């Protein structure tokens, strides 16, 4: 299994549809943001995207996808000088998954808007490592694949027959897996965690951490596994990921522990051992540092939400 497969499998990336939109030039809409990661796929046409607080906009073409891992607010537009309309103020045309039509009488842009989550990041420790905005450039082949998949998805969502929601969810997962795969192959060197996964050495090390978080990893042992000197590995990992290997390891062990707390009835000592800590006290301190609660407090808080 390659590094990307290890990482996606360990996080269980899942996605869902937020809305479909057909927008006719000229148009400009603003999304205030969300508490979870969101994305837009340009199925047809073109537009600009500008994250709130950014000085410049980015052009998007058919087949491109923009991800907002932090759920950042942003403007989508064909006219950057036009005052954006809050997207929540636009009426939808059908129940269920919102379908929006808006704009003038010009060329149409078709968007699929969705959200995604890491099911195994219940503690929310990995999301802060992701960049605020990632643009995934498509190509003609990917755009055609998107268009076909979106057509199937639209049919399932509009028919509303028994099982349609489940089929639609699976189509979204396949679509988003393709987006993630493409993002790993196309992001630039300055794109942090995504570029780190693409790096042949750092990406493999991250994959090993995700696959076997309970192992006694160190910078030395990871460097040996991926074929780099300790110094070079430490520098490259820290440069791309934004934190040293030991801190990332501790972060992901907390993620793994939070997942176990939701699926298994373990004592704190057994939980600590399962994610690589010989000392229960040390594990509790690390868990609380990243989550703000002890494992017991976290488990009780999650149970109260069910």
Protein backbone atom coordinates (compact mmCIF):
# COMPACT_ATOMS: atom_id res chain seq x y z
CA UNK A 1 0.00 0.00 0.00
CA UNK A 2 1.42 3.42 -1.00
CA UNK A 3 1.75 6.36 1.37
CA UNK A 4 -1.39 8.14 0.13
CA UNK A 5 -3.46 4.97 0.46
CA UNK A 6 -2.15 4.47 4.01
CA UNK A 7 -3.00 8.04 4.96
CA UNK A 8 -6.47 8.15 3.40
CA UNK A 9 -7.30 4.74 4.86
CA UNK A 10 -6.11 5.77 8.33
CA UNK A 11 -8.20 8.96 8.28
CA UNK A 12 -11.31 7.57 6.54
CA UNK A 13 -12.01 10.59 4.37
CA UNK A 14 -15.76 10.99 3.82
CA UNK A 15 -17.63 13.64 1.85
CA UNK A 16 -21.17 14.86 1.36
CA UNK A 17 -23.09 17.15 -0.98
CA UNK A 18 -23.93 20.62 0.29
CA UNK A 19 -25.48 22.04 -2.90
CA UNK A 20 -25.49 22.18 -6.67
CA UNK A 21 -25.44 25.57 -8.38
CA UNK A 22 -25.90 26.91 -11.90
CA UNK A 23 -24.74 30.53 -12.01
CA UNK A 24 -25.13 32.76 -15.07
CA UNK A 25 -22.83 35.70 -15.80
CA UNK A 26 -22.53 38.19 -14.30
CA UNK A 27 -22.64 36.88 -10.75
CA UNK A 28 -20.82 37.06 -7.43
CA UNK A 29 -21.68 35.15 -4.24
CA UNK A 30 -20.18 35.04 -0.78
CA UNK A 31 -20.02 32.04 1.54
CA UNK A 32 -19.44 32.99 5.16
CA UNK A 33 -17.65 29.74 5.88
CA UNK A 34 -18.36 26.58 7.86
CA UNK A 35 -17.18 24.73 10.92
CA UNK A 36 -15.97 21.87 8.71
CA UNK A 37 -13.86 21.61 5.54
CA UNK A 38 -15.67 22.49 2.31
CA UNK A 39 -14.92 22.29 -1.41
CA UNK A 40 -16.27 23.32 -4.82
CA UNK A 41 -15.92 21.44 -8.11
CA UNK A 42 -16.25 23.45 -11.33
CA UNK A 43 -18.25 21.08 -13.52
CA UNK A 44 -18.81 23.63 -16.29
CA UNK A 45 -17.67 27.15 -17.09
CA UNK A 46 -15.21 29.27 -15.13
CA UNK A 47 -15.04 31.71 -12.22
CA UNK A 48 -12.76 33.33 -9.65
CA UNK A 49 -12.36 32.37 -6.02
CA UNK A 50 -11.03 34.65 -3.29
CA UNK A 51 -10.70 33.60 0.33
CA UNK A 52 -11.75 36.18 2.92
CA UNK A 53 -8.68 38.18 3.90
CA UNK A 54 -6.65 37.31 0.79
CA UNK A 55 -5.47 40.14 -1.43
CA UNK A 56 -5.79 38.30 -4.74
CA UNK A 57 -8.29 36.01 -6.44
CA UNK A 58 -7.57 32.72 -8.23
CA UNK A 59 -9.09 31.75 -11.57
CA UNK A 60 -10.87 28.39 -11.75
CA UNK A 61 -11.62 26.50 -14.95
CA UNK A 62 -13.78 23.49 -15.82
CA UNK A 63 -12.48 20.45 -13.93
CA UNK A 64 -10.76 22.47 -11.18
CA UNK A 65 -11.55 21.98 -7.50
CA UNK A 66 -10.91 24.36 -4.61
CA UNK A 67 -10.66 22.99 -1.07
CA UNK A 68 -11.07 25.01 2.13
CA UNK A 69 -9.79 22.65 4.85
CA UNK A 70 -10.49 25.24 7.55
CA UNK A 71 -13.97 26.02 6.20
CA UNK A 72 -12.86 29.58 5.41
CA UNK A 73 -15.30 32.18 4.11
CA UNK A 74 -14.81 33.14 0.46
CA UNK A 75 -16.21 34.76 -2.66
CA UNK A 76 -16.97 32.96 -5.92
CA UNK A 77 -17.49 35.30 -8.86
CA UNK A 78 -17.19 36.05 -12.56
CA UNK A 79 -16.85 39.77 -11.83
CA UNK A 80 -14.50 40.72 -9.00
CA UNK A 81 -15.78 44.31 -9.01
CA UNK A 82 -19.33 43.15 -8.35
CA UNK A 83 -20.66 43.23 -4.78
CA UNK A 84 -21.18 39.60 -3.70
CA UNK A 85 -24.60 38.34 -2.62
CA UNK A 86 -24.68 36.12 0.51
CA UNK A 87 -25.29 32.62 -0.81
CA UNK A 88 -27.66 31.86 2.07
CA UNK A 89 -30.00 34.56 0.77
CA UNK A 90 -30.52 32.78 -2.57
CA UNK A 91 -33.65 30.65 -2.74
CA UNK A 92 -33.30 26.97 -3.68
CA UNK A 93 -35.37 25.33 -6.38
CA UNK A 94 -36.04 21.95 -4.78
CA UNK A 95 -36.06 20.30 -1.37
CA UNK A 96 -33.35 17.99 -0.13
CA UNK A 97 -29.93 18.91 -1.48
CA UNK A 98 -30.20 22.63 -2.38
CA UNK A 99 -30.11 23.46 -6.08
CA UNK A 100 -29.34 27.12 -6.79
CA UNK A 101 -29.90 29.21 -9.88
CA UNK A 102 -28.60 32.76 -9.83
CA UNK A 103 -27.12 35.50 -11.96
CA UNK A 104 -27.75 37.20 -15.26
CA UNK A 105 -28.31 35.87 -18.76
CA UNK A 106 -24.73 35.15 -19.75
CA UNK A 107 -22.61 32.01 -19.86
CA UNK A 108 -23.33 29.43 -17.19
CA UNK A 109 -20.99 28.03 -14.55
CA UNK A 110 -22.02 24.79 -12.86
CA UNK A 111 -20.64 24.04 -9.39
CA UNK A 112 -20.86 21.11 -7.01
CA UNK A 113 -20.38 22.28 -3.44
CA UNK A 114 -19.64 19.76 -0.72
CA UNK A 115 -18.03 19.13 2.62
CA UNK A 116 -15.54 16.54 3.75
CA UNK A 117 -14.22 15.25 7.02
CA UNK A 118 -11.63 12.92 8.44
CA UNK A 119 -13.73 10.40 10.35
CA UNK A 120 -10.71 9.35 12.38
CA UNK A 121 -9.81 12.89 13.40
CA UNK A 122 -12.50 13.11 16.06
CA UNK A 123 -10.17 15.18 18.25
CA UNK A 124 -9.56 17.68 15.43
CA UNK A 125 -5.79 17.56 15.86
CA UNK A 126 -4.81 17.20 12.19
CA UNK A 127 -7.08 19.79 10.56
CA UNK A 128 -4.95 22.77 11.73
CA UNK A 129 -2.00 21.42 9.72
CA UNK A 130 -3.84 21.75 6.42
CA UNK A 131 -3.48 24.88 4.28
CA UNK A 132 -6.32 27.42 4.32
CA UNK A 133 -7.04 26.95 0.60
CA UNK A 134 -5.90 24.38 -1.95
CA UNK A 135 -6.65 24.59 -5.68
CA UNK A 136 -6.58 21.27 -7.53
CA UNK A 137 -6.14 21.77 -11.26
CA UNK A 138 -8.09 19.40 -13.45
CA UNK A 139 -7.59 18.45 -17.07
CA UNK A 140 -9.90 17.52 -19.94
CA UNK A 141 -10.04 13.87 -18.91
CA UNK A 142 -10.76 14.68 -15.27
CA UNK A 143 -13.34 17.30 -16.27
CA UNK A 144 -15.17 14.73 -18.42
CA UNK A 145 -15.03 12.24 -15.54
CA UNK A 146 -16.39 14.88 -13.16
CA UNK A 147 -19.20 15.76 -15.57
CA UNK A 148 -20.23 12.10 -15.93
CA UNK A 149 -20.07 11.47 -12.17
CA UNK A 150 -21.99 14.66 -11.41
CA UNK A 151 -24.66 13.64 -13.92
CA UNK A 152 -25.10 10.31 -12.11
CA UNK A 153 -25.08 12.09 -8.76
CA UNK A 154 -27.66 14.63 -9.88
CA UNK A 155 -29.95 11.86 -11.13
CA UNK A 156 -29.74 9.98 -7.84
CA UNK A 157 -30.38 13.09 -5.77
CA UNK A 158 -33.27 14.34 -7.91
CA UNK A 159 -35.14 11.01 -8.15
CA UNK A 160 -35.36 10.55 -4.38
CA UNK A 161 -36.01 6.81 -4.68
CA UNK A 162 -35.24 4.39 -1.83
CA UNK A 163 -31.48 4.01 -1.57
CA UNK A 164 -30.73 7.14 -3.62
CA UNK A 165 -29.11 8.92 -0.69
CA UNK A 166 -26.80 5.97 -0.05
CA UNK A 167 -25.80 5.72 -3.73
CA UNK A 168 -25.25 9.49 -3.83
CA UNK A 169 -23.00 9.30 -0.76
CA UNK A 170 -20.87 6.59 -2.38
CA UNK A 171 -20.57 8.60 -5.60
CA UNK A 172 -19.45 11.61 -3.57
CA UNK A 173 -16.82 9.53 -1.78
CA UNK A 174 -15.45 8.29 -5.14
CA UNK A 175 -15.47 11.82 -6.55
CA UNK A 176 -13.69 13.25 -3.52
CA UNK A 177 -11.14 10.44 -3.50
CA UNK A 178 -10.25 11.46 -7.05
CA UNK A 179 -9.91 15.09 -5.91
CA UNK A 180 -7.60 14.07 -3.05
CA UNK A 181 -5.54 11.87 -5.35
CA UNK A 182 -5.19 14.68 -7.88
CA UNK A 183 -4.31 17.21 -5.17
CA UNK A 184 -1.40 15.07 -4.00
CA UNK A 185 -0.05 14.94 -7.53
CA UNK A 186 -0.40 18.61 -8.42
CA UNK A 187 0.16 20.84 -5.37
CA UNK A 188 3.27 22.97 -5.25
CA UNK A 189 6.22 22.73 -2.88
CA UNK A 190 4.80 25.43 -0.62
CA UNK A 191 1.52 23.66 0.03
CA UNK A 192 2.42 22.09 3.37
CA UNK A 193 0.83 18.83 4.43
CA UNK A 194 -0.36 17.95 0.92
CA UNK A 195 3.11 18.49 -0.51
CA UNK A 196 4.56 16.54 2.41
CA UNK A 197 2.47 13.51 1.48
CA UNK A 198 3.68 13.76 -2.11
CA UNK A 199 7.32 13.88 -1.03
CA UNK A 200 8.76 10.35 -1.50
CA UNK A 201 10.54 10.35 1.89
CA UNK A 202 8.32 12.45 4.13
CA UNK A 203 5.15 11.03 2.60
CA UNK A 204 6.31 7.50 3.30
CA UNK A 205 7.18 8.44 6.89
CA UNK A 206 3.71 9.95 7.42
CA UNK A 207 2.20 6.79 5.97
CA UNK A 208 4.18 4.65 8.42
CA UNK A 209 3.04 6.79 11.36
CA UNK A 210 -0.58 6.51 10.26
CA UNK A 211 -0.32 2.79 9.63
CA UNK A 212 1.48 1.90 12.86
CA UNK A 213 1.05 4.71 15.44
CA UNK A 214 1.81 2.37 18.35
CA UNK A 215 5.32 1.56 17.17
CA UNK A 216 8.32 3.09 18.95
CA UNK A 217 9.06 5.61 16.22
CA UNK A 218 11.77 8.23 16.47
CA UNK A 219 13.33 10.60 13.97
CA UNK A 220 16.21 8.12 13.66
CA UNK A 221 14.05 5.07 13.01
CA UNK A 222 11.79 6.89 10.55
CA UNK A 223 14.81 8.31 8.72
CA UNK A 224 16.26 4.81 8.43
CA UNK A 225 12.96 3.45 7.10
CA UNK A 226 12.74 6.07 4.35
CA UNK A 227 16.43 6.13 3.43
CA UNK A 228 17.57 9.54 4.66
CA UNK A 229 20.05 10.73 7.24
CA UNK A 230 18.44 11.78 10.52
CA UNK A 231 19.43 15.43 10.00
CA UNK A 232 18.14 15.63 6.44
CA UNK A 233 14.92 13.80 7.34
CA UNK A 234 14.26 16.03 10.35
CA UNK A 235 14.83 19.19 8.32
CA UNK A 236 12.72 18.05 5.35
CA UNK A 237 9.86 16.79 7.51
CA UNK A 238 9.73 19.98 9.59
CA UNK A 239 9.94 22.18 6.49
CA UNK A 240 7.03 20.48 4.71
CA UNK A 241 4.74 19.51 7.58
CA UNK A 242 5.33 22.61 9.68
CA UNK A 243 6.29 20.73 12.83
CA UNK A 244 8.97 18.16 13.81
CA UNK A 245 8.40 14.40 13.41
CA UNK A 246 7.99 13.83 17.17
CA UNK A 247 5.25 16.43 17.42
CA UNK A 248 3.41 15.05 14.40
CA UNK A 249 3.70 11.55 15.85
CA UNK A 250 2.24 12.74 19.16
CA UNK A 251 -0.54 14.56 17.29
CA UNK A 252 -1.51 11.47 15.29
CA UNK A 253 -1.31 9.20 18.33
CA UNK A 254 -3.91 11.48 19.93
CA UNK A 255 -6.01 11.14 16.77
CA UNK A 256 -5.71 7.35 16.91
CA UNK A 257 -6.54 7.32 20.62
CA UNK A 258 -9.64 9.49 20.09
CA UNK A 259 -10.82 7.04 17.44
CA UNK A 260 -10.30 4.08 19.78
CA UNK A 261 -12.25 5.86 22.51
CA UNK A 262 -15.27 5.88 20.21
CA UNK A 263 -15.02 2.27 19.11
CA UNK A 264 -13.58 0.29 22.03
CA UNK A 265 -14.02 0.21 25.81
CA UNK A 266 -10.41 0.55 26.97
CA UNK A 267 -8.88 1.70 30.21
CA UNK A 268 -6.63 4.74 29.96
CA UNK A 269 -3.60 2.52 30.55
CA UNK A 270 -4.61 0.14 27.75
CA UNK A 271 -5.35 3.08 25.46
CA UNK A 272 -1.92 4.59 26.17
CA UNK A 273 -0.22 1.30 25.36
CA UNK A 274 -2.23 0.86 22.16
CA UNK A 275 -0.90 4.16 20.75
CA UNK A 276 2.70 3.74 21.83
CA UNK A 277 2.96 5.25 25.33
CA UNK A 278 4.64 3.27 28.12
CA UNK A 279 3.55 5.88 30.67
CA UNK A 280 -0.15 6.47 31.26
CA UNK A 281 0.56 9.87 32.82
CA UNK A 282 2.63 11.00 29.84
CA UNK A 283 -0.15 9.92 27.47
CA UNK A 284 -2.81 11.82 29.43
CA UNK A 285 -0.66 14.97 29.40
CA UNK A 286 -0.14 14.78 25.63
CA UNK A 287 -3.83 14.05 24.97
CA UNK A 288 -4.93 17.01 27.06
CA UNK A 289 -2.37 19.30 25.41
CA UNK A 290 -3.90 18.70 21.97
CA UNK A 291 -7.57 18.16 22.84
CA UNK A 292 -8.03 20.28 25.95
CA UNK A 293 -9.56 17.35 27.83
CA UNK A 294 -8.31 14.15 29.41
CA UNK A 295 -9.25 10.93 27.59
CA UNK A 296 -12.00 10.27 30.17
CA UNK A 297 -13.41 13.78 29.78
CA UNK A 298 -13.27 13.50 25.99
CA UNK A 299 -15.13 10.18 26.03
CA UNK A 300 -17.86 11.57 28.28
CA UNK A 301 -18.23 14.66 26.09
CA UNK A 302 -18.56 12.57 22.92
CA UNK A 303 -21.07 10.23 24.58
CA UNK A 304 -23.25 13.19 25.52
CA UNK A 305 -23.54 14.10 21.83
CA UNK A 306 -24.98 10.73 20.82
